[in-house]
């Protein structure tokens, strides 16, 4: 199975740090401007993904949701969650810690496309 969302070692380490402090985590990348254009990290239950959010998969045990409009753009791409210096989204658990989550993407290869993990709405 080819995953739609993967994470770097640095992102996994940061997820572990935040999980140790806050408990189970999840990510939302909803698009739009400002905070919606970066992956926001929340405690599970703090935010309920809306009906237009699609679950791409999970990174280090944290579900990762993407807005349906953004999915149209990334449907044939794999997203990689990483960290960089910055502040994160205003409501994200990484805000104000000196490093922030971000994503980059790459197109799936022709060989990968048949085995890409399906998205879900749960």
PDB file of N, CA and C in Angstrom:
ATOM      1  N   UNK A   1       0.843  -1.183   0.000  1.00  0.00           N
ATOM      2  CA  UNK A   1       0.000   0.000   0.000  1.00  0.00           C
ATOM      3  C   UNK A   1       0.889   1.247   0.000  1.00  0.00           C
ATOM      4  N   UNK A   2       0.645   2.147  -0.906  1.00  0.00           N
ATOM      5  CA  UNK A   2       1.362   3.414  -0.974  1.00  0.00           C
ATOM      6  C   UNK A   2       0.598   4.443  -0.155  1.00  0.00           C
ATOM      7  N   UNK A   3       1.261   5.036   0.826  1.00  0.00           N
ATOM      8  CA  UNK A   3       0.611   5.987   1.723  1.00  0.00           C
ATOM      9  C   UNK A   3       0.461   7.350   1.059  1.00  0.00           C
ATOM     10  N   UNK A   4      -0.622   8.038   1.384  1.00  0.00           N
ATOM     11  CA  UNK A   4      -0.861   9.388   0.892  1.00  0.00           C
ATOM     12  C   UNK A   4      -0.152  10.428   1.739  1.00  0.00           C
ATOM     13  N   UNK A   5       0.114  10.094   3.019  1.00  0.00           N
ATOM     14  CA  UNK A   5       0.796  11.000   3.931  1.00  0.00           C
ATOM     15  C   UNK A   5       1.883  10.225   4.658  1.00  0.00           C
ATOM     16  N   UNK A   6       3.076  10.781   4.678  1.00  0.00           N
ATOM     17  CA  UNK A   6       4.211  10.199   5.395  1.00  0.00           C
ATOM     18  C   UNK A   6       4.861  11.326   6.193  1.00  0.00           C
ATOM     19  N   UNK A   7       5.756  10.974   7.087  1.00  0.00           N
ATOM     20  CA  UNK A   7       6.420  11.986   7.914  1.00  0.00           C
ATOM     21  C   UNK A   7       7.914  11.728   7.962  1.00  0.00           C
ATOM     22  N   UNK A   8       8.657  12.802   8.079  1.00  0.00           N
ATOM     23  CA  UNK A   8      10.103  12.693   8.249  1.00  0.00           C
ATOM     24  C   UNK A   8      10.410  12.284   9.689  1.00  0.00           C
ATOM     25  N   UNK A   9      11.645  11.865   9.927  1.00  0.00           N
ATOM     26  CA  UNK A   9      12.059  11.539  11.295  1.00  0.00           C
ATOM     27  C   UNK A   9      11.902  12.749  12.215  1.00  0.00           C
ATOM     28  N   UNK A  10      12.232  13.938  11.711  1.00  0.00           N
ATOM     29  CA  UNK A  10      12.099  15.149  12.522  1.00  0.00           C
ATOM     30  C   UNK A  10      10.640  15.402  12.902  1.00  0.00           C
ATOM     31  N   UNK A  11       9.724  15.205  11.961  1.00  0.00           N
ATOM     32  CA  UNK A  11       8.304  15.391  12.253  1.00  0.00           C
ATOM     33  C   UNK A  11       7.829  14.351  13.271  1.00  0.00           C
ATOM     34  N   UNK A  12       8.262  13.096  13.104  1.00  0.00           N
ATOM     35  CA  UNK A  12       7.871  12.060  14.056  1.00  0.00           C
ATOM     36  C   UNK A  12       8.371  12.370  15.461  1.00  0.00           C
ATOM     37  N   UNK A  13       9.575  12.877  15.563  1.00  0.00           N
ATOM     38  CA  UNK A  13      10.120  13.241  16.867  1.00  0.00           C
ATOM     39  C   UNK A  13       9.307  14.379  17.494  1.00  0.00           C
ATOM     40  N   UNK A  14       8.944  15.366  16.687  1.00  0.00           N
ATOM     41  CA  UNK A  14       8.164  16.488  17.187  1.00  0.00           C
ATOM     42  C   UNK A  14       6.766  16.034  17.608  1.00  0.00           C
ATOM     43  N   UNK A  15       6.172  15.140  16.837  1.00  0.00           N
ATOM     44  CA  UNK A  15       4.873  14.560  17.222  1.00  0.00           C
ATOM     45  C   UNK A  15       5.008  13.875  18.572  1.00  0.00           C
ATOM     46  N   UNK A  16       6.070  13.093  18.771  1.00  0.00           N
ATOM     47  CA  UNK A  16       6.291  12.417  20.058  1.00  0.00           C
ATOM     48  C   UNK A  16       6.384  13.420  21.204  1.00  0.00           C
ATOM     49  N   UNK A  17       7.097  14.535  20.982  1.00  0.00           N
ATOM     50  CA  UNK A  17       7.231  15.570  22.015  1.00  0.00           C
ATOM     51  C   UNK A  17       5.876  16.162  22.369  1.00  0.00           C
ATOM     52  N   UNK A  18       5.101  16.510  21.353  1.00  0.00           N
ATOM     53  CA  UNK A  18       3.791  17.108  21.599  1.00  0.00           C
ATOM     54  C   UNK A  18       2.825  16.110  22.225  1.00  0.00           C
ATOM     55  N   UNK A  19       2.898  14.840  21.809  1.00  0.00           N
ATOM     56  CA  UNK A  19       2.027  13.807  22.373  1.00  0.00           C
ATOM     57  C   UNK A  19       2.337  13.583  23.849  1.00  0.00           C
ATOM     58  N   UNK A  20       3.616  13.625  24.219  1.00  0.00           N
ATOM     59  CA  UNK A  20       3.996  13.444  25.621  1.00  0.00           C
ATOM     60  C   UNK A  20       3.395  14.534  26.499  1.00  0.00           C
ATOM     61  N   UNK A  21       3.249  15.712  25.932  1.00  0.00           N
ATOM     62  CA  UNK A  21       2.692  16.845  26.683  1.00  0.00           C
ATOM     63  C   UNK A  21       1.169  16.912  26.628  1.00  0.00           C
ATOM     64  N   UNK A  22       0.576  16.565  25.465  1.00  0.00           N
ATOM     65  CA  UNK A  22      -0.848  16.804  25.245  1.00  0.00           C
ATOM     66  C   UNK A  22      -1.709  15.551  25.094  1.00  0.00           C
ATOM     67  N   UNK A  23      -1.109  14.391  24.918  1.00  0.00           N
ATOM     68  CA  UNK A  23      -1.892  13.182  24.677  1.00  0.00           C
ATOM     69  C   UNK A  23      -2.084  12.940  23.190  1.00  0.00           C
ATOM     70  N   UNK A  24      -3.077  12.127  22.805  1.00  0.00           N
ATOM     71  CA  UNK A  24      -3.298  11.773  21.404  1.00  0.00           C
ATOM     72  C   UNK A  24      -3.515  13.014  20.525  1.00  0.00           C
ATOM     73  N   UNK A  25      -2.948  12.958  19.306  1.00  0.00           N
ATOM     74  CA  UNK A  25      -2.957  14.097  18.400  1.00  0.00           C
ATOM     75  C   UNK A  25      -3.609  13.773  17.063  1.00  0.00           C
ATOM     76  N   UNK A  26      -3.950  14.838  16.339  1.00  0.00           N
ATOM     77  CA  UNK A  26      -4.473  14.747  14.976  1.00  0.00           C
ATOM     78  C   UNK A  26      -4.019  15.991  14.217  1.00  0.00           C
ATOM     79  N   UNK A  27      -4.095  15.927  12.883  1.00  0.00           N
ATOM     80  CA  UNK A  27      -3.718  17.049  12.018  1.00  0.00           C
ATOM     81  C   UNK A  27      -4.859  17.394  11.077  1.00  0.00           C
ATOM     82  N   UNK A  28      -5.002  18.708  10.824  1.00  0.00           N
ATOM     83  CA  UNK A  28      -5.939  19.203   9.819  1.00  0.00           C
ATOM     84  C   UNK A  28      -5.180  20.138   8.886  1.00  0.00           C
ATOM     85  N   UNK A  29      -5.366  19.953   7.589  1.00  0.00           N
ATOM     86  CA  UNK A  29      -4.836  20.862   6.576  1.00  0.00           C
ATOM     87  C   UNK A  29      -6.020  21.226   5.700  1.00  0.00           C
ATOM     88  N   UNK A  30      -6.589  22.403   5.950  1.00  0.00           N
ATOM     89  CA  UNK A  30      -7.862  22.733   5.324  1.00  0.00           C
ATOM     90  C   UNK A  30      -7.748  23.669   4.138  1.00  0.00           C
ATOM     91  N   UNK A  31      -6.576  24.212   3.901  1.00  0.00           N
ATOM     92  CA  UNK A  31      -6.423  25.133   2.790  1.00  0.00           C
ATOM     93  C   UNK A  31      -6.877  26.527   3.174  1.00  0.00           C
ATOM     94  N   UNK A  32      -7.073  27.350   2.191  1.00  0.00           N
ATOM     95  CA  UNK A  32      -7.472  28.724   2.468  1.00  0.00           C
ATOM     96  C   UNK A  32      -6.263  29.563   2.826  1.00  0.00           C
ATOM     97  N   UNK A  33      -6.510  30.641   3.530  1.00  0.00           N
ATOM     98  CA  UNK A  33      -5.414  31.544   3.881  1.00  0.00           C
ATOM     99  C   UNK A  33      -4.983  31.317   5.326  1.00  0.00           C
ATOM    100  N   UNK A  34      -3.916  31.956   5.672  1.00  0.00           N
ATOM    101  CA  UNK A  34      -3.421  32.002   7.061  1.00  0.00           C
ATOM    102  C   UNK A  34      -3.229  30.603   7.627  1.00  0.00           C
ATOM    103  N   UNK A  35      -3.885  30.316   8.754  1.00  0.00           N
ATOM    104  CA  UNK A  35      -3.679  29.046   9.439  1.00  0.00           C
ATOM    105  C   UNK A  35      -4.155  27.833   8.645  1.00  0.00           C
ATOM    106  N   UNK A  36      -5.088  28.020   7.716  1.00  0.00           N
ATOM    107  CA  UNK A  36      -5.588  26.890   6.953  1.00  0.00           C
ATOM    108  C   UNK A  36      -4.618  26.369   5.924  1.00  0.00           C
ATOM    109  N   UNK A  37      -3.578  27.136   5.636  1.00  0.00           N
ATOM    110  CA  UNK A  37      -2.644  26.723   4.592  1.00  0.00           C
ATOM    111  C   UNK A  37      -1.466  25.927   5.134  1.00  0.00           C
ATOM    112  N   UNK A  38      -1.433  25.694   6.441  1.00  0.00           N
ATOM    113  CA  UNK A  38      -0.394  24.876   7.067  1.00  0.00           C
ATOM    114  C   UNK A  38      -1.057  23.745   7.832  1.00  0.00           C
ATOM    115  N   UNK A  39      -0.364  22.627   8.031  1.00  0.00           N
ATOM    116  CA  UNK A  39      -0.971  21.556   8.827  1.00  0.00           C
ATOM    117  C   UNK A  39      -1.053  21.987  10.291  1.00  0.00           C
ATOM    118  N   UNK A  40      -2.239  21.956  10.837  1.00  0.00           N
ATOM    119  CA  UNK A  40      -2.459  22.318  12.229  1.00  0.00           C
ATOM    120  C   UNK A  40      -2.579  21.051  13.061  1.00  0.00           C
ATOM    121  N   UNK A  41      -1.882  21.024  14.175  1.00  0.00           N
ATOM    122  CA  UNK A  41      -1.857  19.881  15.081  1.00  0.00           C
ATOM    123  C   UNK A  41      -2.757  20.184  16.279  1.00  0.00           C
ATOM    124  N   UNK A  42      -3.657  19.266  16.597  1.00  0.00           N
ATOM    125  CA  UNK A  42      -4.597  19.431  17.704  1.00  0.00           C
ATOM    126  C   UNK A  42      -4.618  18.186  18.576  1.00  0.00           C
ATOM    127  N   UNK A  43      -5.082  18.359  19.800  1.00  0.00           N
ATOM    128  CA  UNK A  43      -5.384  17.206  20.642  1.00  0.00           C
ATOM    129  C   UNK A  43      -6.616  16.526  20.054  1.00  0.00           C
ATOM    130  N   UNK A  44      -6.647  15.199  20.056  1.00  0.00           N
ATOM    131  CA  UNK A  44      -7.814  14.477  19.568  1.00  0.00           C
ATOM    132  C   UNK A  44      -9.024  14.923  20.391  1.00  0.00           C
ATOM    133  N   UNK A  45     -10.106  15.259  19.707  1.00  0.00           N
ATOM    134  CA  UNK A  45     -11.327  15.712  20.349  1.00  0.00           C
ATOM    135  C   UNK A  45     -11.427  17.218  20.486  1.00  0.00           C
ATOM    136  N   UNK A  46     -10.320  17.924  20.327  1.00  0.00           N
ATOM    137  CA  UNK A  46     -10.338  19.383  20.437  1.00  0.00           C
ATOM    138  C   UNK A  46     -11.039  20.019  19.232  1.00  0.00           C
ATOM    139  N   UNK A  47     -10.868  19.413  18.074  1.00  0.00           N
ATOM    140  CA  UNK A  47     -11.499  19.859  16.840  1.00  0.00           C
ATOM    141  C   UNK A  47     -12.104  18.626  16.176  1.00  0.00           C
ATOM    142  N   UNK A  48     -13.321  18.766  15.683  1.00  0.00           N
ATOM    143  CA  UNK A  48     -13.964  17.651  14.981  1.00  0.00           C
ATOM    144  C   UNK A  48     -13.876  17.951  13.485  1.00  0.00           C
ATOM    145  N   UNK A  49     -13.252  17.055  12.713  1.00  0.00           N
ATOM    146  CA  UNK A  49     -13.165  17.292  11.272  1.00  0.00           C
ATOM    147  C   UNK A  49     -14.564  17.403  10.666  1.00  0.00           C
ATOM    148  N   UNK A  50     -14.755  18.412   9.825  1.00  0.00           N
ATOM    149  CA  UNK A  50     -16.046  18.624   9.187  1.00  0.00           C
ATOM    150  C   UNK A  50     -16.329  17.592   8.105  1.00  0.00           C
ATOM    151  N   UNK A  51     -17.543  17.667   7.577  1.00  0.00           N
ATOM    152  CA  UNK A  51     -17.972  16.715   6.552  1.00  0.00           C
ATOM    153  C   UNK A  51     -17.164  16.816   5.281  1.00  0.00           C
ATOM    154  N   UNK A  52     -16.496  17.933   5.076  1.00  0.00           N
ATOM    155  CA  UNK A  52     -15.713  18.108   3.851  1.00  0.00           C
ATOM    156  C   UNK A  52     -14.247  17.730   4.035  1.00  0.00           C
ATOM    157  N   UNK A  53     -13.904  17.191   5.200  1.00  0.00           N
ATOM    158  CA  UNK A  53     -12.530  16.774   5.465  1.00  0.00           C
ATOM    159  C   UNK A  53     -12.369  15.300   5.117  1.00  0.00           C
ATOM    160  N   UNK A  54     -11.270  14.958   4.483  1.00  0.00           N
ATOM    161  CA  UNK A  54     -10.969  13.579   4.115  1.00  0.00           C
ATOM    162  C   UNK A  54      -9.748  13.109   4.894  1.00  0.00           C
ATOM    163  N   UNK A  55      -9.823  11.909   5.446  1.00  0.00           N
ATOM    164  CA  UNK A  55      -8.681  11.361   6.164  1.00  0.00           C
ATOM    165  C   UNK A  55      -7.747  10.697   5.165  1.00  0.00           C
ATOM    166  N   UNK A  56      -6.527  11.257   5.067  1.00  0.00           N
ATOM    167  CA  UNK A  56      -5.528  10.709   4.150  1.00  0.00           C
ATOM    168  C   UNK A  56      -4.854   9.475   4.713  1.00  0.00           C
ATOM    169  N   UNK A  57      -4.773   9.393   6.027  1.00  0.00           N
ATOM    170  CA  UNK A  57      -4.059   8.323   6.705  1.00  0.00           C
ATOM    171  C   UNK A  57      -3.607   8.841   8.053  1.00  0.00           C
ATOM    172  N   UNK A  58      -2.496   8.315   8.529  1.00  0.00           N
ATOM    173  CA  UNK A  58      -1.964   8.728   9.829  1.00  0.00           C
ATOM    174  C   UNK A  58      -0.451   8.820   9.750  1.00  0.00           C
ATOM    175  N   UNK A  59       0.097   9.708  10.569  1.00  0.00           N
ATOM    176  CA  UNK A  59       1.538   9.834  10.721  1.00  0.00           C
ATOM    177  C   UNK A  59       1.853   9.648  12.193  1.00  0.00           C
ATOM    178  N   UNK A  60       2.691   8.674  12.491  1.00  0.00           N
ATOM    179  CA  UNK A  60       3.104   8.412  13.866  1.00  0.00           C
ATOM    180  C   UNK A  60       1.900   8.325  14.797  1.00  0.00           C
ATOM    181  N   UNK A  61       0.847   7.655  14.345  1.00  0.00           N
ATOM    182  CA  UNK A  61      -0.345   7.441  15.166  1.00  0.00           C
ATOM    183  C   UNK A  61      -1.318   8.600  15.200  1.00  0.00           C
ATOM    184  N   UNK A  62      -1.048   9.677  14.478  1.00  0.00           N
ATOM    185  CA  UNK A  62      -1.927  10.850  14.459  1.00  0.00           C
ATOM    186  C   UNK A  62      -2.647  10.921  13.109  1.00  0.00           C
ATOM    187  N   UNK A  63      -3.977  10.856  13.132  1.00  0.00           N
ATOM    188  CA  UNK A  63      -4.745  10.954  11.892  1.00  0.00           C
ATOM    189  C   UNK A  63      -4.473  12.297  11.218  1.00  0.00           C
ATOM    190  N   UNK A  64      -4.449  12.278   9.887  1.00  0.00           N
ATOM    191  CA  UNK A  64      -4.169  13.473   9.095  1.00  0.00           C
ATOM    192  C   UNK A  64      -5.322  13.687   8.131  1.00  0.00           C
ATOM    193  N   UNK A  65      -5.997  14.842   8.271  1.00  0.00           N
ATOM    194  CA  UNK A  65      -7.157  15.188   7.461  1.00  0.00           C
ATOM    195  C   UNK A  65      -6.814  16.327   6.506  1.00  0.00           C
ATOM    196  N   UNK A  66      -7.412  16.270   5.324  1.00  0.00           N
ATOM    197  CA  UNK A  66      -7.203  17.270   4.285  1.00  0.00           C
ATOM    198  C   UNK A  66      -8.566  17.713   3.776  1.00  0.00           C
ATOM    199  N   UNK A  67      -8.735  19.017   3.544  1.00  0.00           N
ATOM    200  CA  UNK A  67      -9.989  19.512   2.979  1.00  0.00           C
ATOM    201  C   UNK A  67     -10.242  18.937   1.600  1.00  0.00           C
ATOM    202  N   UNK A  68     -11.521  18.733   1.277  1.00  0.00           N
ATOM    203  CA  UNK A  68     -11.845  18.096  -0.008  1.00  0.00           C
ATOM    204  C   UNK A  68     -11.397  18.931  -1.205  1.00  0.00           C
ATOM    205  N   UNK A  69     -11.409  20.254  -1.096  1.00  0.00           N
ATOM    206  CA  UNK A  69     -10.941  21.069  -2.221  1.00  0.00           C
ATOM    207  C   UNK A  69      -9.445  20.915  -2.425  1.00  0.00           C
ATOM    208  N   UNK A  70      -8.699  20.829  -1.326  1.00  0.00           N
ATOM    209  CA  UNK A  70      -7.257  20.618  -1.430  1.00  0.00           C
ATOM    210  C   UNK A  70      -6.961  19.225  -1.967  1.00  0.00           C
ATOM    211  N   UNK A  71      -7.824  18.263  -1.619  1.00  0.00           N
ATOM    212  CA  UNK A  71      -7.626  16.905  -2.108  1.00  0.00           C
ATOM    213  C   UNK A  71      -7.668  16.871  -3.635  1.00  0.00           C
ATOM    214  N   UNK A  72      -8.507  17.681  -4.237  1.00  0.00           N
ATOM    215  CA  UNK A  72      -8.565  17.719  -5.700  1.00  0.00           C
ATOM    216  C   UNK A  72      -7.197  18.088  -6.280  1.00  0.00           C
ATOM    217  N   UNK A  73      -6.476  18.923  -5.577  1.00  0.00           N
ATOM    218  CA  UNK A  73      -5.145  19.331  -6.018  1.00  0.00           C
ATOM    219  C   UNK A  73      -4.105  18.244  -5.738  1.00  0.00           C
ATOM    220  N   UNK A  74      -4.208  17.596  -4.564  1.00  0.00           N
ATOM    221  CA  UNK A  74      -3.192  16.632  -4.120  1.00  0.00           C
ATOM    222  C   UNK A  74      -3.567  15.174  -4.364  1.00  0.00           C
ATOM    223  N   UNK A  75      -4.658  14.934  -5.031  1.00  0.00           N
ATOM    224  CA  UNK A  75      -5.158  13.565  -5.210  1.00  0.00           C
ATOM    225  C   UNK A  75      -4.110  12.606  -5.743  1.00  0.00           C
ATOM    226  N   UNK A  76      -3.254  13.056  -6.623  1.00  0.00           N
ATOM    227  CA  UNK A  76      -2.245  12.190  -7.241  1.00  0.00           C
ATOM    228  C   UNK A  76      -0.849  12.448  -6.694  1.00  0.00           C
ATOM    229  N   UNK A  77      -0.797  12.935  -5.446  1.00  0.00           N
ATOM    230  CA  UNK A  77       0.487  13.264  -4.815  1.00  0.00           C
ATOM    231  C   UNK A  77       0.581  12.681  -3.418  1.00  0.00           C
ATOM    232  N   UNK A  78       1.800  12.419  -3.024  1.00  0.00           N
ATOM    233  CA  UNK A  78       2.068  12.016  -1.649  1.00  0.00           C
ATOM    234  C   UNK A  78       2.540  13.259  -0.883  1.00  0.00           C
ATOM    235  N   UNK A  79       1.939  13.494   0.276  1.00  0.00           N
ATOM    236  CA  UNK A  79       2.361  14.591   1.143  1.00  0.00           C
ATOM    237  C   UNK A  79       3.363  14.063   2.156  1.00  0.00           C
ATOM    238  N   UNK A  80       4.356  14.872   2.446  1.00  0.00           N
ATOM    239  CA  UNK A  80       5.323  14.558   3.495  1.00  0.00           C
ATOM    240  C   UNK A  80       5.234  15.641   4.551  1.00  0.00           C
ATOM    241  N   UNK A  81       4.969  15.227   5.786  1.00  0.00           N
ATOM    242  CA  UNK A  81       4.936  16.145   6.917  1.00  0.00           C
ATOM    243  C   UNK A  81       6.358  16.305   7.438  1.00  0.00           C
ATOM    244  N   UNK A  82       6.768  17.554   7.642  1.00  0.00           N
ATOM    245  CA  UNK A  82       8.113  17.851   8.117  1.00  0.00           C
ATOM    246  C   UNK A  82       8.022  19.013   9.097  1.00  0.00           C
ATOM    247  N   UNK A  83       9.149  19.437   9.651  1.00  0.00           N
ATOM    248  CA  UNK A  83       9.204  20.603  10.526  1.00  0.00           C
ATOM    249  C   UNK A  83      10.280  21.557  10.018  1.00  0.00           C
ATOM    250  N   UNK A  84      10.095  22.823  10.345  1.00  0.00           N
ATOM    251  CA  UNK A  84      11.053  23.863   9.989  1.00  0.00           C
ATOM    252  C   UNK A  84      10.986  24.940  11.053  1.00  0.00           C
ATOM    253  N   UNK A  85      11.980  25.810  11.110  1.00  0.00           N
ATOM    254  CA  UNK A  85      11.896  26.915  12.068  1.00  0.00           C
ATOM    255  C   UNK A  85      10.673  27.774  11.771  1.00  0.00           C
ATOM    256  N   UNK A  86       9.970  28.182  12.811  1.00  0.00           N
ATOM    257  CA  UNK A  86       8.780  29.011  12.627  1.00  0.00           C
ATOM    258  C   UNK A  86       7.869  28.910  13.825  1.00  0.00           C
ATOM    259  N   UNK A  87       6.658  29.408  13.667  1.00  0.00           N
ATOM    260  CA  UNK A  87       5.721  29.472  14.789  1.00  0.00           C
ATOM    261  C   UNK A  87       4.503  28.590  14.642  1.00  0.00           C
ATOM    262  N   UNK A  88       4.216  28.048  13.490  1.00  0.00           N
ATOM    263  CA  UNK A  88       3.033  27.221  13.310  1.00  0.00           C
ATOM    264  C   UNK A  88       1.775  28.065  13.262  1.00  0.00           C
ATOM    265  N   UNK A  89       0.636  27.395  13.085  1.00  0.00           N
ATOM    266  CA  UNK A  89      -0.652  28.085  13.062  1.00  0.00           C
ATOM    267  C   UNK A  89      -1.028  28.582  14.448  1.00  0.00           C
ATOM    268  N   UNK A  90      -1.805  29.660  14.509  1.00  0.00           N
ATOM    269  CA  UNK A  90      -2.168  30.267  15.789  1.00  0.00           C
ATOM    270  C   UNK A  90      -2.866  29.304  16.748  1.00  0.00           C
ATOM    271  N   UNK A  91      -3.617  28.349  16.234  1.00  0.00           N
ATOM    272  CA  UNK A  91      -4.360  27.429  17.087  1.00  0.00           C
ATOM    273  C   UNK A  91      -3.723  26.044  17.156  1.00  0.00           C
ATOM    274  N   UNK A  92      -2.632  25.860  16.454  1.00  0.00           N
ATOM    275  CA  UNK A  92      -1.942  24.580  16.406  1.00  0.00           C
ATOM    276  C   UNK A  92      -1.052  24.411  17.639  1.00  0.00           C
ATOM    277  N   UNK A  93      -0.896  23.189  18.091  1.00  0.00           N
ATOM    278  CA  UNK A  93      -0.080  22.914  19.273  1.00  0.00           C
ATOM    279  C   UNK A  93       1.388  23.263  19.070  1.00  0.00           C
ATOM    280  N   UNK A  94       1.836  23.416  17.834  1.00  0.00           N
ATOM    281  CA  UNK A  94       3.230  23.791  17.585  1.00  0.00           C
ATOM    282  C   UNK A  94       3.436  25.307  17.611  1.00  0.00           C
ATOM    283  N   UNK A  95       2.396  26.086  17.801  1.00  0.00           N
ATOM    284  CA  UNK A  95       2.487  27.552  17.786  1.00  0.00           C
ATOM    285  C   UNK A  95       3.374  28.060  18.922  1.00  0.00           C
ATOM    286  N   UNK A  96       4.304  28.940  18.559  1.00  0.00           N
ATOM    287  CA  UNK A  96       5.134  29.609  19.544  1.00  0.00           C
ATOM    288  C   UNK A  96       6.264  28.782  20.124  1.00  0.00           C
ATOM    289  N   UNK A  97       6.575  27.635  19.519  1.00  0.00           N
ATOM    290  CA  UNK A  97       7.616  26.754  20.037  1.00  0.00           C
ATOM    291  C   UNK A  97       8.926  26.852  19.258  1.00  0.00           C
ATOM    292  N   UNK A  98       8.954  27.708  18.246  1.00  0.00           N
ATOM    293  CA  UNK A  98      10.185  27.898  17.491  1.00  0.00           C
ATOM    294  C   UNK A  98      10.347  26.976  16.295  1.00  0.00           C
ATOM    295  N   UNK A  99       9.459  25.996  16.143  1.00  0.00           N
ATOM    296  CA  UNK A  99       9.456  25.165  14.941  1.00  0.00           C
ATOM    297  C   UNK A  99       8.017  24.828  14.602  1.00  0.00           C
ATOM    298  N   UNK A 100       7.775  24.611  13.335  1.00  0.00           N
ATOM    299  CA  UNK A 100       6.418  24.439  12.851  1.00  0.00           C
ATOM    300  C   UNK A 100       6.335  23.290  11.855  1.00  0.00           C
ATOM    301  N   UNK A 101       5.179  22.649  11.824  1.00  0.00           N
ATOM    302  CA  UNK A 101       4.919  21.618  10.827  1.00  0.00           C
ATOM    303  C   UNK A 101       4.659  22.274   9.469  1.00  0.00           C
ATOM    304  N   UNK A 102       5.083  21.610   8.415  1.00  0.00           N
ATOM    305  CA  UNK A 102       4.751  22.013   7.050  1.00  0.00           C
ATOM    306  C   UNK A 102       4.709  20.747   6.210  1.00  0.00           C
ATOM    307  N   UNK A 103       4.168  20.859   5.015  1.00  0.00           N
ATOM    308  CA  UNK A 103       4.124  19.710   4.099  1.00  0.00           C
ATOM    309  C   UNK A 103       4.775  20.092   2.781  1.00  0.00           C
ATOM    310  N   UNK A 104       5.294  19.072   2.131  1.00  0.00           N
ATOM    311  CA  UNK A 104       5.678  19.205   0.731  1.00  0.00           C
ATOM    312  C   UNK A 104       5.120  17.981   0.023  1.00  0.00           C
ATOM    313  N   UNK A 105       5.066  18.039  -1.283  1.00  0.00           N
ATOM    314  CA  UNK A 105       4.416  16.951  -2.022  1.00  0.00           C
ATOM    315  C   UNK A 105       5.260  16.516  -3.205  1.00  0.00           C
ATOM    316  N   UNK A 106       4.943  15.330  -3.668  1.00  0.00           N
ATOM    317  CA  UNK A 106       5.549  14.795  -4.886  1.00  0.00           C
ATOM    318  C   UNK A 106       4.494  13.956  -5.584  1.00  0.00           C
ATOM    319  N   UNK A 107       4.474  13.943  -6.900  1.00  0.00           N
ATOM    320  CA  UNK A 107       3.500  13.123  -7.618  1.00  0.00           C
ATOM    321  C   UNK A 107       3.787  11.630  -7.403  1.00  0.00           C
ATOM    322  N   UNK A 108       2.724  10.851  -7.331  1.00  0.00           N
ATOM    323  CA  UNK A 108       2.894   9.404  -7.324  1.00  0.00           C
ATOM    324  C   UNK A 108       3.435   8.959  -8.675  1.00  0.00           C
ATOM    325  N   UNK A 109       4.222   7.903  -8.661  1.00  0.00           N
ATOM    326  CA  UNK A 109       4.696   7.341  -9.924  1.00  0.00           C
ATOM    327  C   UNK A 109       3.577   6.491 -10.533  1.00  0.00           C
ATOM    328  N   UNK A 110       3.702   6.183 -11.794  1.00  0.00           N
ATOM    329  CA  UNK A 110       2.725   5.321 -12.453  1.00  0.00           C
ATOM    330  C   UNK A 110       2.646   3.965 -11.764  1.00  0.00           C
ATOM    331  N   UNK A 111       3.781   3.475 -11.260  1.00  0.00           N
ATOM    332  CA  UNK A 111       3.798   2.182 -10.570  1.00  0.00           C
ATOM    333  C   UNK A 111       3.088   2.252  -9.222  1.00  0.00           C
ATOM    334  N   UNK A 112       3.120   3.413  -8.562  1.00  0.00           N
ATOM    335  CA  UNK A 112       2.493   3.561  -7.249  1.00  0.00           C
ATOM    336  C   UNK A 112       0.977   3.751  -7.330  1.00  0.00           C
ATOM    337  N   UNK A 113       0.493   4.403  -8.368  1.00  0.00           N
ATOM    338  CA  UNK A 113      -0.920   4.783  -8.439  1.00  0.00           C
ATOM    339  C   UNK A 113      -1.906   3.647  -8.149  1.00  0.00           C
ATOM    340  N   UNK A 114      -1.701   2.439  -8.669  1.00  0.00           N
ATOM    341  CA  UNK A 114      -2.672   1.387  -8.384  1.00  0.00           C
ATOM    342  C   UNK A 114      -2.753   0.978  -6.905  1.00  0.00           C
ATOM    343  N   UNK A 115      -1.703   1.289  -6.134  1.00  0.00           N
ATOM    344  CA  UNK A 115      -1.676   0.823  -4.742  1.00  0.00           C
ATOM    345  C   UNK A 115      -1.815   1.977  -3.725  1.00  0.00           C
ATOM    346  N   UNK A 116      -2.284   3.135  -4.185  1.00  0.00           N
ATOM    347  CA  UNK A 116      -2.431   4.280  -3.281  1.00  0.00           C
ATOM    348  C   UNK A 116      -3.583   4.021  -2.310  1.00  0.00           C
ATOM    349  N   UNK A 117      -3.318   4.293  -1.023  1.00  0.00           N
ATOM    350  CA  UNK A 117      -4.326   4.105   0.022  1.00  0.00           C
ATOM    351  C   UNK A 117      -5.540   4.974  -0.273  1.00  0.00           C
ATOM    352  N   UNK A 118      -6.756   4.409  -0.185  1.00  0.00           N
ATOM    353  CA  UNK A 118      -7.958   5.223  -0.387  1.00  0.00           C
ATOM    354  C   UNK A 118      -8.161   6.182   0.784  1.00  0.00           C
ATOM    355  N   UNK A 119      -8.826   7.292   0.532  1.00  0.00           N
ATOM    356  CA  UNK A 119      -9.162   8.227   1.608  1.00  0.00           C
ATOM    357  C   UNK A 119     -10.455   7.770   2.260  1.00  0.00           C
ATOM    358  N   UNK A 120     -10.716   8.306   3.472  1.00  0.00           N
ATOM    359  CA  UNK A 120     -11.979   7.998   4.146  1.00  0.00           C
ATOM    360  C   UNK A 120     -12.548   9.276   4.731  1.00  0.00           C
ATOM    361  N   UNK A 121     -13.805   9.223   5.127  1.00  0.00           N
ATOM    362  CA  UNK A 121     -14.470  10.383   5.708  1.00  0.00           C
ATOM    363  C   UNK A 121     -14.685  10.221   7.211  1.00  0.00           C
ATOM    364  N   UNK A 122     -14.084   9.214   7.809  1.00  0.00           N
ATOM    365  CA  UNK A 122     -14.264   9.028   9.263  1.00  0.00           C
ATOM    366  C   UNK A 122     -13.158   9.652  10.052  1.00  0.00           C
TER     367      UNK A 122
END
